N, C-alpha and C. Protein backbone atom coordinates (compact mmCIF):
# COMPACT_ATOMS: atom_id res chain seq x y z
N MET A 1 90.65 63.63 119.26
CA MET A 1 91.76 63.05 118.47
C MET A 1 91.54 62.90 117.06
N LEU A 2 90.61 62.59 116.53
CA LEU A 2 90.20 62.38 115.24
C LEU A 2 90.38 63.70 114.47
N SER A 3 89.94 64.47 114.96
CA SER A 3 90.10 66.05 114.20
C SER A 3 91.47 66.38 114.17
N LEU A 4 92.20 66.11 115.28
CA LEU A 4 93.57 66.34 115.18
C LEU A 4 94.54 65.68 114.25
N LEU A 5 94.40 64.35 114.02
CA LEU A 5 94.71 63.28 113.00
C LEU A 5 94.19 64.07 111.60
N GLN A 6 93.37 64.40 111.44
CA GLN A 6 92.66 64.95 110.00
C GLN A 6 93.51 66.18 109.87
N LEU A 7 93.61 67.29 110.80
CA LEU A 7 94.37 68.37 110.55
C LEU A 7 95.96 68.23 110.17
N THR A 8 96.61 67.37 110.76
CA THR A 8 97.75 67.06 110.72
C THR A 8 98.31 66.01 109.77
N ASP A 9 96.98 65.50 108.80
CA ASP A 9 97.59 64.65 107.95
C ASP A 9 97.73 65.23 106.93
N SER A 10 98.97 64.67 106.10
CA SER A 10 99.62 65.44 105.04
C SER A 10 98.63 65.39 103.58
N SER A 11 97.45 64.97 103.49
CA SER A 11 96.48 65.04 102.51
C SER A 11 95.49 66.30 102.85
N PHE A 12 95.67 66.90 104.15
CA PHE A 12 95.00 68.05 104.36
C PHE A 12 95.31 69.22 103.67
N PRO A 13 94.68 69.79 102.76
CA PRO A 13 95.32 70.88 101.83
C PRO A 13 95.69 72.41 102.61
N THR A 14 96.75 72.35 103.19
CA THR A 14 97.36 73.69 103.90
C THR A 14 97.87 74.46 103.03
N GLY A 15 98.50 74.09 101.86
CA GLY A 15 99.19 74.83 100.96
C GLY A 15 100.79 74.64 101.50
N GLY A 16 101.10 73.88 102.45
CA GLY A 16 102.67 73.84 102.82
C GLY A 16 103.28 73.02 101.76
N PHE A 17 102.60 72.15 100.86
CA PHE A 17 103.44 71.55 99.81
C PHE A 17 104.13 72.13 98.82
N SER A 18 104.20 73.37 98.71
CA SER A 18 104.71 74.27 97.65
C SER A 18 105.71 75.23 98.35
N HIS A 19 106.02 74.89 99.63
CA HIS A 19 107.11 75.75 100.45
C HIS A 19 108.16 74.87 100.99
N SER A 20 109.43 75.30 100.83
CA SER A 20 110.22 74.49 101.51
C SER A 20 111.15 75.26 102.82
N ALA A 21 110.62 76.10 103.16
CA ALA A 21 111.10 77.05 104.34
C ALA A 21 112.68 77.43 104.11
N GLY A 22 112.78 77.55 102.79
CA GLY A 22 114.20 77.99 102.73
C GLY A 22 115.17 76.84 102.36
N LEU A 23 114.87 75.53 102.28
CA LEU A 23 115.70 74.38 102.33
C LEU A 23 116.14 74.57 100.48
N GLU A 24 115.20 74.91 99.55
CA GLU A 24 115.67 75.00 98.22
C GLU A 24 116.80 76.21 98.03
N SER A 25 116.91 77.20 98.83
CA SER A 25 117.71 78.27 98.71
C SER A 25 118.89 77.74 99.21
N ALA A 26 118.87 77.27 100.51
CA ALA A 26 120.05 76.86 101.19
C ALA A 26 120.62 75.71 100.22
N LEU A 27 120.25 74.88 99.40
CA LEU A 27 120.79 73.77 98.75
C LEU A 27 121.63 74.42 97.45
N GLN A 28 120.83 75.38 96.78
CA GLN A 28 121.38 76.26 95.65
C GLN A 28 122.68 77.08 96.06
N HIS A 29 122.50 77.39 97.22
CA HIS A 29 123.50 78.37 97.58
C HIS A 29 124.62 77.87 98.42
N LYS A 30 124.64 76.32 98.27
CA LYS A 30 125.86 75.68 98.68
C LYS A 30 125.99 75.58 100.42
N VAL A 31 124.90 75.83 101.04
CA VAL A 31 124.85 75.97 102.52
C VAL A 31 124.46 74.28 103.13
N ILE A 32 123.91 73.75 102.26
CA ILE A 32 123.86 72.26 102.37
C ILE A 32 124.62 71.46 101.42
N LYS A 33 125.91 70.96 101.73
CA LYS A 33 126.60 70.25 100.87
C LYS A 33 126.81 68.55 101.26
N SER A 34 125.95 68.07 102.41
CA SER A 34 126.01 66.80 102.82
C SER A 34 124.69 66.40 103.47
N LYS A 35 124.35 65.02 103.68
CA LYS A 35 123.24 65.08 104.59
C LYS A 35 123.32 65.32 106.23
N THR A 36 124.61 65.36 106.40
CA THR A 36 124.61 66.13 107.86
C THR A 36 124.50 67.48 107.76
N ASP A 37 124.86 68.35 106.77
CA ASP A 37 124.32 69.69 106.85
C ASP A 37 122.83 69.94 106.64
N LEU A 38 122.30 68.88 105.89
CA LEU A 38 120.67 68.80 105.82
C LEU A 38 120.10 68.82 107.15
N GLY A 39 120.33 67.81 108.03
CA GLY A 39 120.14 67.72 109.44
C GLY A 39 120.33 68.94 110.23
N LYS A 40 121.45 69.58 110.29
CA LYS A 40 121.48 70.61 110.96
C LYS A 40 120.85 72.11 110.45
N ILE A 41 120.61 71.86 109.36
CA ILE A 41 119.67 73.09 108.79
C ILE A 41 118.39 72.71 109.14
N ILE A 42 117.81 71.67 109.10
CA ILE A 42 116.21 71.44 109.31
C ILE A 42 116.31 71.74 111.00
N GLN A 43 117.28 71.07 111.82
CA GLN A 43 117.31 71.37 113.20
C GLN A 43 117.25 72.88 113.41
N THR A 44 117.84 73.62 112.77
CA THR A 44 118.11 74.98 112.92
C THR A 44 116.60 75.71 112.55
N HIS A 45 116.09 75.14 111.78
CA HIS A 45 114.70 75.91 111.17
C HIS A 45 113.72 75.26 112.46
N LEU A 46 113.81 74.33 112.61
CA LEU A 46 113.05 73.81 113.93
C LEU A 46 112.92 74.90 115.11
N GLU A 47 114.48 75.19 115.37
CA GLU A 47 114.77 76.13 116.45
C GLU A 47 114.25 77.60 116.28
N ASN A 48 114.02 77.96 115.15
CA ASN A 48 113.69 79.30 114.85
C ASN A 48 112.09 79.16 114.89
N THR A 49 111.71 78.14 114.52
CA THR A 49 110.09 78.11 114.54
C THR A 49 109.72 78.09 115.94
N GLY A 50 110.49 77.40 116.80
CA GLY A 50 109.82 77.33 118.28
C GLY A 50 110.16 78.91 118.98
N SER A 51 110.98 79.47 118.38
CA SER A 51 111.55 80.78 119.23
C SER A 51 110.81 82.04 118.43
N PHE A 52 110.46 81.88 117.41
CA PHE A 52 109.75 83.18 116.67
C PHE A 52 108.49 82.66 116.56
N SER A 53 107.93 81.63 115.68
CA SER A 53 106.57 81.47 115.44
C SER A 53 105.48 80.72 116.66
N LEU A 54 106.35 79.95 117.37
CA LEU A 54 105.47 79.24 118.53
C LEU A 54 104.83 80.27 119.59
N PRO A 55 105.64 81.36 119.70
CA PRO A 55 105.34 82.53 120.67
C PRO A 55 103.98 82.98 120.15
N PHE A 56 103.71 83.22 118.68
CA PHE A 56 102.41 83.72 118.06
C PHE A 56 101.26 82.50 118.16
N VAL A 57 101.71 81.22 117.99
CA VAL A 57 100.74 80.38 118.26
C VAL A 57 100.16 80.38 119.55
N ASN A 58 101.11 80.51 120.40
CA ASN A 58 100.79 80.50 122.15
C ASN A 58 99.74 81.49 122.29
N GLU A 59 99.91 82.87 121.84
CA GLU A 59 99.10 83.95 122.09
C GLU A 59 97.85 83.80 121.13
N ALA A 60 97.99 83.54 120.16
CA ALA A 60 96.54 83.58 119.31
C ALA A 60 95.52 82.06 120.09
N PHE A 61 96.24 81.22 120.46
CA PHE A 61 95.60 80.21 121.16
C PHE A 61 94.71 80.61 122.35
N ARG A 62 95.17 81.64 123.17
CA ARG A 62 94.59 82.48 124.26
C ARG A 62 93.41 83.31 123.84
N LYS A 63 93.54 83.96 122.64
CA LYS A 63 92.67 85.14 122.35
C LYS A 63 91.50 84.62 121.47
N ASP A 64 90.42 85.66 121.51
CA ASP A 64 89.23 85.38 120.83
C ASP A 64 88.92 85.75 119.48
N VAL A 65 88.27 85.52 118.65
CA VAL A 65 88.44 85.94 117.31
C VAL A 65 88.35 87.43 116.93
N GLN A 66 87.68 87.91 117.75
CA GLN A 66 87.64 89.43 117.35
C GLN A 66 88.73 90.03 117.99
N ASN A 67 89.71 89.50 118.75
CA ASN A 67 90.81 90.18 119.18
C ASN A 67 92.27 89.45 118.59
N VAL A 68 92.16 88.89 117.56
CA VAL A 68 93.40 88.29 117.02
C VAL A 68 93.83 89.09 115.90
N LYS A 69 93.16 90.06 115.47
CA LYS A 69 93.36 91.00 114.00
C LYS A 69 94.99 91.76 114.46
N ASP A 70 94.73 92.11 115.55
CA ASP A 70 96.30 92.99 115.94
C ASP A 70 97.31 92.26 116.02
N LEU A 71 97.08 90.82 116.49
CA LEU A 71 98.27 89.85 116.61
C LEU A 71 98.78 89.51 115.11
N ASP A 72 97.83 89.47 114.37
CA ASP A 72 97.91 89.21 112.61
C ASP A 72 98.82 90.41 111.89
N GLU A 73 98.47 91.56 112.52
CA GLU A 73 99.14 92.74 112.14
C GLU A 73 100.57 92.68 112.60
N PHE A 74 100.74 92.50 113.68
CA PHE A 74 102.07 92.40 114.56
C PHE A 74 103.09 91.33 113.91
N PHE A 75 102.63 90.22 113.68
CA PHE A 75 103.05 88.92 113.00
C PHE A 75 103.85 89.64 111.45
N ASN A 76 102.98 90.10 110.78
CA ASN A 76 103.31 90.78 109.42
C ASN A 76 104.32 91.92 109.52
N ALA A 77 104.08 92.72 110.65
CA ALA A 77 105.43 93.74 110.83
C ALA A 77 106.54 93.07 111.31
N SER A 78 106.37 91.97 112.02
CA SER A 78 107.57 91.39 112.58
C SER A 78 108.48 90.54 111.75
N THR A 79 107.85 90.07 110.64
CA THR A 79 108.60 89.16 109.57
C THR A 79 108.99 90.03 108.44
N SER A 80 110.25 90.30 108.51
CA SER A 80 110.80 91.48 107.43
C SER A 80 111.12 90.42 106.45
N ASN A 81 111.77 89.39 106.59
CA ASN A 81 112.01 88.30 105.17
C ASN A 81 110.56 88.06 104.52
N HIS A 82 110.78 88.80 103.13
CA HIS A 82 109.71 89.06 102.26
C HIS A 82 109.24 87.52 102.03
N VAL A 83 109.94 86.68 101.80
CA VAL A 83 109.99 85.29 101.24
C VAL A 83 109.05 84.36 102.35
N ALA A 84 109.37 84.74 103.30
CA ALA A 84 108.80 84.04 104.75
C ALA A 84 107.53 84.46 104.98
N ASN A 85 107.54 85.90 104.90
CA ASN A 85 106.06 86.58 104.95
C ASN A 85 105.04 85.94 104.19
N ARG A 86 105.56 86.02 102.78
CA ARG A 86 104.67 85.72 101.89
C ARG A 86 104.13 84.34 101.83
N ALA A 87 104.99 83.31 102.48
CA ALA A 87 104.64 81.93 102.42
C ALA A 87 103.90 81.75 103.59
N SER A 88 103.96 82.45 104.78
CA SER A 88 103.04 82.48 105.88
C SER A 88 101.76 82.98 105.43
N ARG A 89 101.80 84.05 104.79
CA ARG A 89 100.35 84.41 104.31
C ARG A 89 99.55 83.46 103.55
N LYS A 90 100.11 83.15 102.56
CA LYS A 90 99.67 82.04 101.75
C LYS A 90 99.12 80.68 102.21
N GLN A 91 100.05 80.06 103.25
CA GLN A 91 99.70 79.00 103.89
C GLN A 91 98.54 79.12 105.03
N GLY A 92 98.95 80.22 105.82
CA GLY A 92 97.64 80.50 106.62
C GLY A 92 96.46 80.67 105.96
N LYS A 93 96.23 81.33 104.87
CA LYS A 93 95.07 81.66 104.25
C LYS A 93 94.58 80.32 103.67
N SER A 94 95.23 79.47 102.96
CA SER A 94 94.90 78.16 102.67
C SER A 94 94.45 77.20 104.02
N PHE A 95 95.00 77.12 104.98
CA PHE A 95 94.67 76.53 106.12
C PHE A 95 93.32 77.02 106.56
N SER A 96 93.34 78.22 106.62
CA SER A 96 91.67 78.68 107.27
C SER A 96 90.79 78.68 106.42
N ASP A 97 90.97 79.15 105.18
CA ASP A 97 90.25 78.89 104.27
C ASP A 97 89.38 77.26 104.24
N THR A 98 90.46 76.08 104.44
CA THR A 98 90.09 74.86 104.31
C THR A 98 89.28 74.36 105.43
N VAL A 99 90.02 74.85 106.57
CA VAL A 99 89.35 74.50 108.04
C VAL A 99 87.94 75.08 107.88
N THR A 100 87.43 76.34 107.51
CA THR A 100 86.28 76.75 107.47
C THR A 100 85.45 75.96 106.79
N LYS A 101 85.65 75.42 105.53
CA LYS A 101 84.85 75.12 104.59
C LYS A 101 84.37 73.66 104.95
N VAL A 102 85.40 73.00 105.60
CA VAL A 102 85.29 71.55 106.15
C VAL A 102 84.43 71.53 107.49
N HIS A 103 84.84 72.52 108.48
CA HIS A 103 84.14 72.55 109.79
C HIS A 103 82.93 73.32 109.67
N LEU A 104 82.60 73.95 108.76
CA LEU A 104 81.30 74.89 108.52
C LEU A 104 80.98 75.56 109.99
N ASN A 105 82.12 76.35 110.46
CA ASN A 105 81.90 76.91 112.00
C ASN A 105 81.95 78.18 111.76
N GLU A 106 80.68 79.28 112.34
CA GLU A 106 80.50 80.29 112.16
C GLU A 106 81.51 81.31 112.72
N GLU A 107 82.25 80.79 113.92
CA GLU A 107 83.26 81.58 114.46
C GLU A 107 84.53 81.75 113.67
N LEU A 108 84.54 80.43 113.21
CA LEU A 108 86.11 80.38 112.13
C LEU A 108 85.63 81.07 110.84
N LEU A 109 84.64 81.13 110.52
CA LEU A 109 84.14 82.07 109.37
C LEU A 109 84.27 83.55 109.61
N ARG A 110 83.96 83.87 110.92
CA ARG A 110 84.16 85.36 111.18
C ARG A 110 85.85 85.60 111.13
N LEU A 111 86.46 84.71 111.74
CA LEU A 111 87.88 84.81 111.72
C LEU A 111 88.65 84.95 110.46
N TYR A 112 88.04 84.13 109.43
CA TYR A 112 88.60 84.18 108.12
C TYR A 112 88.22 85.37 107.41
N GLN A 113 87.08 86.08 107.90
CA GLN A 113 86.51 87.11 107.00
C GLN A 113 87.39 88.64 107.68
N SER A 114 87.62 88.47 108.88
CA SER A 114 88.17 89.42 109.71
C SER A 114 89.85 89.77 109.43
N LEU A 115 90.34 88.86 109.28
CA LEU A 115 92.04 88.90 108.75
C LEU A 115 92.18 89.61 107.59
N ASP A 116 93.50 90.28 107.56
CA ASP A 116 94.27 91.02 106.33
C ASP A 116 95.02 90.07 105.79
N HIS A 117 95.92 89.32 106.79
CA HIS A 117 96.86 88.65 106.31
C HIS A 117 96.75 87.30 106.56
N HIS A 118 96.17 86.59 107.54
CA HIS A 118 96.31 85.36 107.64
C HIS A 118 97.41 84.61 107.79
N HIS A 119 98.19 85.14 108.78
CA HIS A 119 99.62 84.53 108.82
C HIS A 119 99.40 83.17 109.77
N TYR A 120 100.42 81.94 109.14
CA TYR A 120 99.73 80.88 109.39
C TYR A 120 100.11 80.44 111.07
N PRO A 121 100.90 80.98 111.36
CA PRO A 121 101.24 80.62 113.14
C PRO A 121 99.89 81.27 113.83
N VAL A 122 99.33 82.45 113.36
CA VAL A 122 98.21 82.85 114.07
C VAL A 122 96.97 82.30 113.90
N VAL A 123 96.52 81.74 112.50
CA VAL A 123 95.55 81.25 112.42
C VAL A 123 95.54 79.89 112.87
N PHE A 124 96.66 79.34 113.09
CA PHE A 124 96.86 77.77 113.51
C PHE A 124 96.38 77.81 114.93
N GLY A 125 96.95 78.71 115.78
CA GLY A 125 96.78 78.81 117.11
C GLY A 125 95.30 78.82 117.41
N ILE A 126 94.93 79.90 116.88
CA ILE A 126 93.33 80.09 117.28
C ILE A 126 92.30 79.14 116.61
N ILE A 127 92.52 78.41 115.51
CA ILE A 127 91.78 77.65 114.96
C ILE A 127 91.98 76.40 115.82
N TYR A 128 93.02 75.77 116.20
CA TYR A 128 93.18 74.65 117.10
C TYR A 128 92.54 74.76 118.33
N SER A 129 92.61 76.10 118.99
CA SER A 129 91.96 76.41 120.14
C SER A 129 90.30 76.27 119.99
N LYS A 130 89.83 76.96 118.98
CA LYS A 130 88.30 76.83 118.52
C LYS A 130 87.79 75.62 118.26
N LEU A 131 88.76 74.56 117.78
CA LEU A 131 88.19 73.02 117.91
C LEU A 131 88.49 72.20 118.85
N GLY A 132 88.86 73.01 119.97
CA GLY A 132 89.13 72.12 121.44
C GLY A 132 90.10 71.24 121.51
N ILE A 133 91.22 71.59 120.68
CA ILE A 133 92.65 70.79 121.03
C ILE A 133 93.33 71.63 122.07
N ASP A 134 93.71 71.06 122.93
CA ASP A 134 94.60 71.73 124.14
C ASP A 134 95.85 72.19 123.47
N LEU A 135 96.42 73.29 124.42
CA LEU A 135 97.52 74.06 123.96
C LEU A 135 98.87 73.18 123.84
N LYS A 136 99.13 72.32 124.84
CA LYS A 136 100.36 71.35 124.67
C LYS A 136 100.26 70.60 123.29
N THR A 137 98.96 70.15 123.05
CA THR A 137 99.18 69.23 121.83
C THR A 137 99.29 70.38 120.53
N THR A 138 98.70 71.20 120.65
CA THR A 138 98.61 72.40 119.48
C THR A 138 100.11 72.84 119.33
N GLN A 139 101.11 73.19 120.31
CA GLN A 139 102.40 73.33 120.13
C GLN A 139 103.08 72.36 119.35
N ILE A 140 102.80 71.06 119.93
CA ILE A 140 103.62 69.96 119.49
C ILE A 140 103.12 69.62 118.07
N ALA A 141 101.98 69.84 117.72
CA ALA A 141 101.36 69.79 116.07
C ALA A 141 101.91 70.40 115.27
N PHE A 142 102.35 71.89 115.98
CA PHE A 142 102.62 72.86 114.84
C PHE A 142 103.94 72.64 114.57
N LEU A 143 104.90 72.31 115.63
CA LEU A 143 106.29 71.72 115.28
C LEU A 143 106.40 70.64 114.50
N SER A 144 105.57 69.75 114.66
CA SER A 144 105.60 68.32 114.00
C SER A 144 105.26 68.57 112.58
N SER A 145 104.21 69.59 112.49
CA SER A 145 103.86 69.66 110.83
C SER A 145 104.92 70.48 110.37
N THR A 146 105.52 71.22 110.87
CA THR A 146 106.61 71.87 110.23
C THR A 146 108.08 71.23 110.19
N LEU A 147 108.31 70.04 110.78
CA LEU A 147 109.38 69.21 110.36
C LEU A 147 108.95 68.60 109.29
N LYS A 148 107.59 67.78 109.62
CA LYS A 148 107.27 66.90 108.48
C LYS A 148 107.30 67.61 106.88
N SER A 149 106.80 68.82 106.76
CA SER A 149 106.93 69.79 105.76
C SER A 149 108.63 70.10 105.02
N VAL A 150 109.25 70.16 105.84
CA VAL A 150 110.32 70.38 105.70
C VAL A 150 111.04 69.22 105.00
N ILE A 151 110.85 68.15 105.92
CA ILE A 151 111.40 66.63 105.66
C ILE A 151 111.07 66.15 103.95
N SER A 152 109.65 66.65 103.90
CA SER A 152 109.04 66.40 102.58
C SER A 152 109.74 67.13 101.33
N SER A 153 110.05 68.27 101.71
CA SER A 153 110.67 68.95 100.65
C SER A 153 112.11 68.48 100.30
N ALA A 154 112.71 67.97 101.30
CA ALA A 154 114.07 67.27 101.23
C ALA A 154 114.24 66.42 100.13
N VAL A 155 113.07 65.29 100.38
CA VAL A 155 112.73 64.37 99.43
C VAL A 155 112.59 64.65 97.96
N ARG A 156 111.67 65.88 97.85
CA ARG A 156 111.45 66.32 96.56
C ARG A 156 112.45 67.16 95.93
N LEU A 157 113.42 67.46 96.60
CA LEU A 157 114.74 68.11 96.11
C LEU A 157 115.80 67.22 96.02
N ASP A 158 115.51 65.77 96.19
CA ASP A 158 116.23 64.74 95.84
C ASP A 158 117.77 65.04 96.75
N ILE A 159 117.46 65.74 97.88
CA ILE A 159 118.64 65.61 99.00
C ILE A 159 118.69 64.37 99.67
N ILE A 160 117.57 63.44 99.79
CA ILE A 160 117.64 62.53 100.63
C ILE A 160 116.54 61.70 100.14
N GLY A 161 116.76 60.31 100.42
CA GLY A 161 115.70 59.19 99.97
C GLY A 161 114.46 59.29 101.18
N ALA A 162 113.52 58.33 100.60
CA ALA A 162 112.35 58.54 101.51
C ALA A 162 112.60 58.01 102.78
N ILE A 163 113.32 56.70 102.72
CA ILE A 163 113.44 56.04 103.87
C ILE A 163 114.26 56.56 104.97
N GLU A 164 115.48 57.30 104.26
CA GLU A 164 116.44 58.15 105.27
C GLU A 164 115.56 59.31 105.66
N ALA A 165 114.85 59.85 104.93
CA ALA A 165 114.10 61.03 105.45
C ALA A 165 113.18 60.88 106.74
N GLN A 166 112.42 59.32 106.56
CA GLN A 166 111.84 59.02 107.76
C GLN A 166 112.83 58.57 109.17
N ARG A 167 114.03 58.03 108.65
CA ARG A 167 114.78 58.05 109.77
C ARG A 167 115.50 59.36 110.37
N LEU A 168 115.55 60.49 109.44
CA LEU A 168 115.90 61.75 109.99
C LEU A 168 114.82 62.39 110.67
N GLN A 169 113.68 62.28 110.36
CA GLN A 169 112.51 62.62 111.09
C GLN A 169 112.27 62.38 112.12
N LEU A 170 112.58 60.85 112.26
CA LEU A 170 112.64 60.21 113.87
C LEU A 170 113.69 60.66 114.59
N GLU A 171 114.72 60.93 114.11
CA GLU A 171 115.85 61.72 114.96
C GLU A 171 115.43 62.99 115.41
N LEU A 172 115.04 63.93 114.58
CA LEU A 172 114.95 65.11 114.89
C LEU A 172 113.73 65.62 115.70
N GLN A 173 112.64 64.58 115.67
CA GLN A 173 111.17 64.90 116.31
C GLN A 173 111.56 64.68 117.77
N ARG A 174 112.77 64.11 118.13
CA ARG A 174 113.03 63.77 119.33
C ARG A 174 113.27 65.28 120.17
N SER A 175 113.74 66.37 119.42
CA SER A 175 113.83 67.77 119.93
C SER A 175 112.62 68.39 120.25
N ILE A 176 111.49 67.83 119.57
CA ILE A 176 110.33 68.88 119.50
C ILE A 176 109.85 69.08 120.97
N PRO A 177 109.80 68.15 121.97
CA PRO A 177 109.45 68.35 123.55
C PRO A 177 110.43 69.53 124.17
N ASP A 178 111.61 69.52 123.87
CA ASP A 178 112.45 70.39 124.47
C ASP A 178 112.07 71.85 124.13
N ILE A 179 112.09 71.81 122.46
CA ILE A 179 111.76 73.13 122.05
C ILE A 179 110.33 73.71 122.69
N VAL A 180 109.49 72.86 122.86
CA VAL A 180 108.11 73.66 123.06
C VAL A 180 108.42 73.69 124.62
N LYS A 181 109.07 72.99 125.48
CA LYS A 181 109.44 73.34 126.99
C LYS A 181 109.96 74.70 126.91
N ARG A 182 111.19 75.03 126.31
CA ARG A 182 111.94 76.46 126.40
C ARG A 182 111.09 77.39 126.06
N ASN A 183 110.00 77.20 125.05
CA ASN A 183 109.31 78.40 124.40
C ASN A 183 107.78 78.46 124.86
N ASP A 184 107.49 77.37 125.77
CA ASP A 184 105.81 77.17 126.41
C ASP A 184 105.34 78.56 126.58
N SER A 185 105.79 79.36 127.52
CA SER A 185 105.14 80.54 128.09
C SER A 185 105.44 81.97 127.43
N LYS A 186 106.13 81.81 126.19
CA LYS A 186 106.45 83.04 125.53
C LYS A 186 105.20 83.34 124.43
N MET A 187 105.15 84.80 124.61
CA MET A 187 104.10 85.45 123.74
C MET A 187 104.82 86.17 122.83
N ALA A 188 104.04 86.80 121.91
CA ALA A 188 104.41 87.49 120.69
C ALA A 188 105.67 88.49 120.97
N VAL A 189 105.60 89.30 122.02
CA VAL A 189 106.71 90.18 122.19
C VAL A 189 107.98 89.50 122.49
N ASP A 190 107.82 88.31 122.94
CA ASP A 190 109.08 87.37 123.08
C ASP A 190 109.88 86.92 121.85
N ALA A 191 109.09 86.90 120.72
CA ALA A 191 109.72 86.29 119.48
C ALA A 191 110.95 86.76 118.93
N ALA A 192 111.74 85.76 118.73
CA ALA A 192 112.95 86.21 118.20
C ALA A 192 113.58 85.00 117.31
N LEU A 193 114.44 85.13 116.34
CA LEU A 193 115.03 84.19 115.76
C LEU A 193 116.47 83.88 116.35
N ARG A 194 116.73 82.73 116.56
CA ARG A 194 117.73 82.08 117.21
C ARG A 194 118.80 82.03 116.14
N PHE A 195 118.52 81.68 115.18
CA PHE A 195 119.67 81.58 114.18
C PHE A 195 119.36 82.14 112.80
N PRO A 196 119.80 83.40 112.52
CA PRO A 196 119.36 84.19 111.67
C PRO A 196 119.81 83.85 110.15
N VAL A 197 120.95 83.04 110.01
CA VAL A 197 121.48 82.60 108.68
C VAL A 197 120.40 81.90 107.78
N ILE A 198 119.65 81.08 108.39
CA ILE A 198 118.68 80.40 107.35
C ILE A 198 117.34 81.43 106.94
N ASP A 199 117.42 82.26 107.87
CA ASP A 199 116.41 83.35 107.32
C ASP A 199 116.70 84.14 106.19
N VAL A 200 118.23 84.56 106.17
CA VAL A 200 118.99 85.13 105.29
C VAL A 200 118.72 84.67 103.82
N VAL A 201 119.28 83.38 103.93
CA VAL A 201 119.27 82.28 102.86
C VAL A 201 117.83 82.30 102.32
N GLN A 202 116.82 82.10 103.07
CA GLN A 202 115.42 82.10 102.44
C GLN A 202 115.10 83.32 101.94
N ASN A 203 115.65 84.36 102.40
CA ASN A 203 115.36 85.73 101.83
C ASN A 203 115.59 85.80 100.34
N CYS A 204 116.76 84.81 99.92
CA CYS A 204 117.38 84.99 98.59
C CYS A 204 116.55 84.06 97.52
N HIS A 205 115.56 83.51 97.94
CA HIS A 205 114.87 82.45 97.27
C HIS A 205 114.48 83.07 95.80
N ASP A 206 113.96 84.18 95.83
CA ASP A 206 113.51 84.93 94.57
C ASP A 206 114.50 85.26 93.39
N THR A 207 115.91 85.14 93.94
CA THR A 207 116.85 85.43 93.04
C THR A 207 117.41 83.87 92.35
N LEU A 208 116.81 83.01 92.73
CA LEU A 208 117.12 81.61 92.21
C LEU A 208 116.69 81.60 90.66
N PHE A 209 117.72 81.09 89.72
CA PHE A 209 117.45 81.20 88.39
C PHE A 209 116.05 80.22 87.89
N SER A 210 116.39 78.92 88.94
CA SER A 210 114.98 77.97 88.59
C SER A 210 114.93 77.54 89.83
N LYS A 211 113.63 77.08 90.17
CA LYS A 211 113.10 76.62 91.56
C LYS A 211 112.11 76.16 91.26
N LEU A 212 111.76 74.92 92.28
CA LEU A 212 110.56 74.02 92.30
C LEU A 212 109.58 74.44 93.35
N PHE A 213 110.10 75.24 94.31
CA PHE A 213 109.00 75.72 95.52
C PHE A 213 108.96 77.16 95.19
N TYR A 214 107.60 77.58 95.90
CA TYR A 214 107.43 78.85 96.08
C TYR A 214 108.22 79.87 97.04
N SER A 215 108.48 78.86 97.94
CA SER A 215 109.43 79.79 99.08
C SER A 215 110.40 78.76 99.76
């Protein structure tokens, strides 16, 4: 439990602080015009995370360190959105690097050295597995950390205030158990985006004249 609390704490340096998951692009492209729109966009992102990224978490959780390299390559090939791909690699490498240095685990060090891309869902799944955290908790933690990261981005973009953000998080996190249930048994070959619009909008992030976030 204490390891889980440390891994999911906002102060644990995973690199997520510099990514908005397409929220900044959605705001500047007028996809978000109200707080109602904000809630819908974040819910959409949660659904996409469940249908596309969670299957990779599920499969990585079940793999040995020496067999996860192909899964990392598969995620890289499957993520054609270059902004999302880049963000996943940077966040995954930061997370993997931090965990390796904190836990001083030889198996996790071999994992860090063996991967070419370090995609976030892949390293998240196998690291949680190797640290003895069960699959259900891993799935919920993955979606919860995704939600908290996007909510934090909304506050820093001044779309919503801090207290409103916590109310929105409370409301949206109620959907996490259902998203996990619907994607619980899916593997990487089943991964698909349910709502492609936010993915298209995120893909335009590099064209923004000025931006606060890396993605």
